[in-house]
Amino acid sequence: MKNYPRILRPTQWLKNLMLFFPPFLSGAILAPEVAVKGIPAFSAFCLASSAGYILNDIMDSEQDRLHPTKRFRPLPSGVVSPAVATALAGFLVLAGIGVAAITQSPRFLLFLLLYLLVTAIYSLKVKDIPLLDVFCVATGFIIRLEAGGEAFAVPISSWLFLSVFLLALFLSIGKRLTEKHNLGDGAGLHRKSLAGYPDGFLEGAMYLTGGAVLVTYSMYTLSRSHLFYTVPLCCFGLLRYILRVKSGQSGDPTESLLKDIPLLLVSLAWAAIIGWRLYF
């Protein structure tokens, strides 16, 4: 039974905190209704995202058996059968939809259904297509952001939309670059899209999107001058992630945040400064 929590990938639920960005950045995170609306919204996306991870593991189990680290996951290692995993994924999908339908607006439910559709398309086909794979991952973050805006009735500004999309694209490209570097000549056998990226392309794309993130986030803070002091932290975080990737360390965003102390500290400082300026 200890393998079932592993197949859900609970550490990846951190990505669903994107739902709380709209109320946090609008100064409404301390409102009592945020917890009432936020807990079921977060739960629905956690259930849906875990279903997506299980589907992805089912589709990748053959290749993952040859991967140096992924072969220890429950499905590739054989400790959880594909039939049980499929049933579990189906239950999680229905549970997530049920929670959203009962507690949230119809538009939020549509965002959740769209997220499920995007993750399914990604797992079944798009993950093998260069560029479309990273754009599909970035779209998942945008859906979370828009769903959070809908759940808490907070409009999403154009600059925030662009900042989140480009940041998600930057992190996805960094993860692909790490995989391509660490897997070497066999990268295409583990992830087909990696074979379609020429040498130097992912590195250049990471620099391009990183610079674009800094510009769009700066424009977002200029529209709200009391947040401008966080731009240096954003710059440091981007450069620290690039340094991490170029040093051969994991480019996984969640793992980087949890295991890289400078990145974790700068993230906490960013949240603390915004919290101080908006709430105190």
Protein backbone atom coordinates (compact mmCIF):
# COMPACT_ATOMS: atom_id res chain seq x y z
CA MET A 1 0.00 0.00 0.00
CA LYS A 2 2.92 2.36 0.53
CA ASN A 3 3.37 2.56 -3.25
CA TYR A 4 -0.03 4.13 -3.90
CA PRO A 5 0.87 7.51 -2.37
CA ARG A 6 4.00 7.44 -4.55
CA ILE A 7 2.00 6.94 -7.74
CA LEU A 8 -0.09 10.02 -6.87
CA ARG A 9 3.09 12.18 -6.76
CA PRO A 10 1.91 14.39 -3.88
CA THR A 11 5.02 16.60 -4.06
CA GLN A 12 3.79 17.75 -7.47
CA TRP A 13 0.65 19.13 -5.84
CA LEU A 14 2.74 22.21 -5.08
CA LYS A 15 2.05 23.26 -8.67
CA ASN A 16 -1.63 23.59 -7.80
CA LEU A 17 -0.79 26.42 -5.41
CA MET A 18 -0.99 28.49 -8.60
CA LEU A 19 -4.72 28.59 -7.86
CA PHE A 20 -4.00 30.91 -4.92
CA PHE A 21 -1.85 33.38 -6.87
CA PRO A 22 -4.83 35.59 -7.92
CA PRO A 23 -6.17 36.19 -4.39
CA PHE A 24 -2.66 36.45 -2.91
CA LEU A 25 -1.50 39.06 -5.44
CA SER A 26 -4.78 40.96 -5.23
CA GLY A 27 -4.51 41.34 -1.44
CA ALA A 28 -7.48 39.09 -0.70
CA ILE A 29 -5.80 35.91 0.56
CA LEU A 30 -6.78 36.61 4.19
CA ALA A 31 -10.49 36.89 3.41
CA PRO A 32 -12.52 34.17 5.20
CA GLU A 33 -14.13 32.96 1.98
CA VAL A 34 -10.73 32.11 0.49
CA ALA A 35 -10.40 29.01 2.65
CA VAL A 36 -14.00 28.03 1.99
CA LYS A 37 -13.52 28.24 -1.76
CA GLY A 38 -9.84 27.38 -1.90
CA ILE A 39 -9.72 24.02 -0.12
CA PRO A 40 -12.18 22.25 -2.47
CA ALA A 41 -10.68 23.99 -5.52
CA PHE A 42 -7.18 22.89 -4.56
CA SER A 43 -8.43 19.38 -3.77
CA ALA A 44 -10.15 19.07 -7.15
CA PHE A 45 -6.97 19.98 -9.02
CA CYS A 46 -4.84 17.69 -6.86
CA LEU A 47 -7.13 14.78 -7.70
CA ALA A 48 -7.10 15.69 -11.39
CA SER A 49 -3.34 16.21 -11.58
CA SER A 50 -2.65 12.87 -9.85
CA ALA A 51 -4.89 11.17 -12.41
CA GLY A 52 -2.83 12.81 -15.14
CA TYR A 53 0.44 11.61 -13.60
CA ILE A 54 -0.89 8.06 -13.41
CA LEU A 55 -1.96 8.13 -17.06
CA ASN A 56 1.44 9.47 -18.04
CA ASP A 57 3.16 6.70 -16.05
CA ILE A 58 0.99 4.05 -17.70
CA MET A 59 1.87 5.34 -21.17
CA ASP A 60 5.59 5.64 -20.35
CA SER A 61 6.08 2.46 -18.32
CA GLU A 62 8.03 0.63 -21.03
CA GLN A 63 10.51 3.49 -21.56
CA ASP A 64 10.71 4.20 -17.83
CA ARG A 65 11.97 0.68 -17.20
CA LEU A 66 15.15 1.69 -19.05
CA HIS A 67 15.49 5.03 -17.24
CA PRO A 68 18.16 5.24 -14.49
CA THR A 69 15.77 6.71 -11.88
CA LYS A 70 12.21 6.37 -13.22
CA ARG A 71 12.51 2.57 -13.30
CA PHE A 72 12.00 2.61 -9.53
CA ARG A 73 8.53 4.16 -9.82
CA PRO A 74 5.62 1.85 -8.85
CA LEU A 75 4.42 1.16 -12.41
CA PRO A 76 7.74 0.55 -14.21
CA SER A 77 9.01 -1.54 -11.30
CA GLY A 78 5.87 -3.70 -11.41
CA VAL A 79 4.72 -3.21 -7.82
CA VAL A 80 1.49 -1.61 -9.10
CA SER A 81 -0.30 -3.19 -12.06
CA PRO A 82 -1.55 -1.11 -15.04
CA ALA A 83 -5.12 -2.32 -14.40
CA VAL A 84 -5.13 -1.09 -10.81
CA ALA A 85 -3.47 2.17 -11.85
CA THR A 86 -6.09 2.72 -14.58
CA ALA A 87 -8.93 2.13 -12.12
CA LEU A 88 -7.34 4.50 -9.63
CA ALA A 89 -6.92 7.20 -12.30
CA GLY A 90 -10.57 6.85 -13.29
CA PHE A 91 -11.68 7.19 -9.67
CA LEU A 92 -9.53 10.30 -9.19
CA VAL A 93 -10.98 11.92 -12.32
CA LEU A 94 -14.55 11.31 -11.16
CA ALA A 95 -13.73 12.49 -7.64
CA GLY A 96 -12.09 15.68 -8.90
CA ILE A 97 -15.02 16.46 -11.21
CA GLY A 98 -17.46 15.71 -8.40
CA VAL A 99 -15.73 18.05 -5.94
CA ALA A 100 -15.61 20.83 -8.55
CA ALA A 101 -19.23 20.35 -9.60
CA ILE A 102 -20.54 20.46 -6.03
CA THR A 103 -18.43 23.31 -4.62
CA GLN A 104 -17.42 25.54 -7.54
CA SER A 105 -18.93 27.54 -10.38
CA PRO A 106 -19.66 26.01 -13.81
CA ARG A 107 -16.76 28.01 -15.29
CA PHE A 108 -14.34 26.53 -12.74
CA LEU A 109 -15.58 23.06 -13.67
CA LEU A 110 -14.91 23.89 -17.33
CA PHE A 111 -11.34 24.88 -16.46
CA LEU A 112 -10.87 21.59 -14.61
CA LEU A 113 -12.26 19.62 -17.56
CA LEU A 114 -9.97 21.57 -19.89
CA TYR A 115 -7.01 20.74 -17.67
CA LEU A 116 -7.92 17.04 -17.77
CA LEU A 117 -8.22 17.21 -21.56
CA VAL A 118 -4.85 18.94 -21.97
CA THR A 119 -3.07 16.47 -19.68
CA ALA A 120 -4.65 13.52 -21.50
CA ILE A 121 -3.62 14.89 -24.90
CA TYR A 122 -0.13 15.47 -23.57
CA SER A 123 0.23 11.93 -22.21
CA LEU A 124 -1.24 10.23 -25.27
CA LYS A 125 0.59 12.11 -28.04
CA VAL A 126 1.86 15.66 -27.57
CA LYS A 127 4.71 14.77 -25.19
CA ASP A 128 6.49 13.17 -28.17
CA ILE A 129 6.35 16.32 -30.32
CA PRO A 130 9.13 18.93 -29.86
CA LEU A 131 7.94 22.40 -28.77
CA LEU A 132 4.33 21.26 -28.44
CA ASP A 133 5.35 19.24 -25.38
CA VAL A 134 6.65 22.23 -23.41
CA PHE A 135 3.84 24.50 -24.61
CA CYS A 136 1.31 21.92 -23.42
CA VAL A 137 2.92 21.82 -19.96
CA ALA A 138 2.88 25.64 -19.79
CA THR A 139 -0.79 25.63 -20.77
CA GLY A 140 -1.52 23.53 -17.69
CA PHE A 141 -0.16 26.28 -15.46
CA ILE A 142 -2.22 28.93 -17.25
CA ILE A 143 -5.36 26.85 -16.74
CA ARG A 144 -4.57 26.66 -13.02
CA LEU A 145 -4.09 30.43 -12.90
CA GLU A 146 -7.36 31.14 -14.70
CA ALA A 147 -9.19 28.57 -12.56
CA GLY A 148 -7.90 30.34 -9.45
CA GLY A 149 -9.13 33.66 -10.78
CA GLU A 150 -12.55 32.12 -11.38
CA ALA A 151 -12.72 30.38 -7.99
CA PHE A 152 -11.95 33.58 -6.09
CA ALA A 153 -13.58 36.05 -8.52
CA VAL A 154 -10.27 37.83 -9.18
CA PRO A 155 -9.54 39.08 -12.73
CA ILE A 156 -6.20 38.02 -14.24
CA SER A 157 -4.15 40.88 -15.68
CA SER A 158 -2.45 40.53 -19.06
CA TRP A 159 1.04 40.94 -17.59
CA LEU A 160 0.42 38.29 -14.93
CA PHE A 161 -0.92 35.90 -17.58
CA LEU A 162 2.20 36.39 -19.71
CA SER A 163 4.55 36.13 -16.72
CA VAL A 164 3.10 32.81 -15.58
CA PHE A 165 2.98 31.36 -19.08
CA LEU A 166 6.56 32.32 -19.89
CA LEU A 167 7.82 31.16 -16.48
CA ALA A 168 6.16 27.77 -16.98
CA LEU A 169 7.68 27.57 -20.46
CA PHE A 170 11.10 28.53 -19.07
CA LEU A 171 10.95 25.83 -16.38
CA SER A 172 9.70 23.18 -18.81
CA ILE A 173 12.52 23.93 -21.23
CA GLY A 174 15.05 23.79 -18.39
CA LYS A 175 13.74 20.38 -17.36
CA ARG A 176 14.04 19.11 -20.95
CA LEU A 177 17.59 20.47 -21.19
CA THR A 178 18.56 18.62 -18.02
CA GLU A 179 17.04 15.39 -19.31
CA LYS A 180 18.78 15.69 -22.67
CA HIS A 181 22.12 16.37 -21.00
CA ASN A 182 21.88 13.64 -18.35
CA LEU A 183 20.55 10.91 -20.66
CA GLY A 184 23.11 11.59 -23.39
CA ASP A 185 22.78 9.66 -26.66
CA GLY A 186 19.88 7.62 -25.29
CA ALA A 187 17.71 10.67 -24.52
CA GLY A 188 15.39 10.02 -27.47
CA LEU A 189 14.71 6.48 -26.26
CA HIS A 190 13.37 7.77 -22.93
CA ARG A 191 11.53 10.82 -24.27
CA LYS A 192 10.92 10.96 -28.02
CA SER A 193 10.66 14.75 -28.16
CA LEU A 194 14.26 15.11 -26.95
CA ALA A 195 15.52 13.60 -30.20
CA GLY A 196 13.85 16.46 -32.08
CA TYR A 197 15.72 19.24 -30.28
CA PRO A 198 19.02 20.11 -31.99
CA ASP A 199 22.08 20.74 -29.87
CA GLY A 200 21.98 24.25 -28.41
CA PHE A 201 18.29 24.85 -29.12
CA LEU A 202 16.98 24.16 -25.62
CA GLU A 203 19.75 26.20 -24.06
CA GLY A 204 18.99 29.19 -26.28
CA ALA A 205 15.25 28.80 -25.68
CA MET A 206 15.84 28.77 -21.92
CA TYR A 207 17.77 32.04 -22.09
CA LEU A 208 15.12 33.58 -24.36
CA THR A 209 12.16 32.68 -22.16
CA GLY A 210 14.06 33.57 -18.97
CA GLY A 211 14.71 37.08 -20.29
CA ALA A 212 11.08 37.38 -21.38
CA VAL A 213 9.90 36.37 -17.90
CA LEU A 214 11.99 39.12 -16.33
CA VAL A 215 10.55 41.72 -18.72
CA THR A 216 6.90 40.71 -18.34
CA TYR A 217 7.16 40.36 -14.55
CA SER A 218 8.81 43.78 -14.35
CA MET A 219 5.93 45.26 -16.35
CA TYR A 220 3.46 43.56 -14.02
CA THR A 221 5.14 45.08 -10.96
CA LEU A 222 5.30 48.51 -12.63
CA SER A 223 1.52 48.41 -12.89
CA ARG A 224 1.57 47.85 -9.10
CA SER A 225 4.55 49.88 -7.93
CA HIS A 226 4.64 48.47 -4.40
CA LEU A 227 5.72 45.10 -5.86
CA PHE A 228 8.67 46.49 -7.84
CA TYR A 229 11.09 45.57 -5.06
CA THR A 230 10.62 41.89 -5.87
CA VAL A 231 12.13 42.19 -9.37
CA PRO A 232 15.72 41.57 -8.13
CA LEU A 233 14.48 38.42 -6.40
CA CYS A 234 12.89 37.28 -9.64
CA CYS A 235 16.17 37.91 -11.47
CA PHE A 236 18.14 35.96 -8.87
CA GLY A 237 15.68 33.05 -9.01
CA LEU A 238 15.88 32.81 -12.80
CA LEU A 239 19.68 32.90 -12.80
CA ARG A 240 19.88 30.40 -9.94
CA TYR A 241 17.69 27.96 -11.87
CA ILE A 242 19.84 28.40 -15.00
CA LEU A 243 22.96 27.80 -12.91
CA ARG A 244 21.37 24.67 -11.47
CA VAL A 245 20.46 23.32 -14.92
CA LYS A 246 23.85 24.13 -16.44
CA SER A 247 25.55 22.44 -13.48
CA GLY A 248 23.83 19.17 -14.37
CA GLN A 249 21.41 19.17 -11.44
CA SER A 250 17.73 18.30 -11.72
CA GLY A 251 15.64 20.77 -13.69
CA ASP A 252 12.36 19.56 -12.22
CA PRO A 253 10.69 22.74 -10.86
CA THR A 254 9.26 21.10 -7.73
CA GLU A 255 12.47 19.27 -6.88
CA SER A 256 14.51 22.42 -7.53
CA LEU A 257 12.33 24.46 -5.18
CA LEU A 258 12.33 21.89 -2.38
CA LYS A 259 15.98 20.82 -2.54
CA ASP A 260 17.80 23.97 -3.65
CA ILE A 261 18.17 26.13 -0.53
CA PRO A 262 18.91 29.44 -2.33
CA LEU A 263 15.87 28.97 -4.58
CA LEU A 264 13.68 28.11 -1.60
CA LEU A 265 14.91 31.10 0.39
CA VAL A 266 14.44 33.56 -2.47
CA SER A 267 10.92 32.19 -3.05
CA LEU A 268 10.06 32.67 0.62
CA ALA A 269 11.56 36.17 0.54
CA TRP A 270 9.47 36.99 -2.55
CA ALA A 271 6.29 35.84 -0.78
CA ALA A 272 7.25 37.68 2.41
CA ILE A 273 7.89 41.00 0.64
CA ILE A 274 4.66 40.82 -1.31
CA GLY A 275 2.79 39.80 1.83
CA TRP A 276 4.28 42.74 3.75
CA ARG A 277 3.56 45.30 1.03
CA LEU A 278 0.00 44.08 0.38
CA TYR A 279 -1.21 43.15 3.84
CA PHE A 280 0.80 45.13 6.39
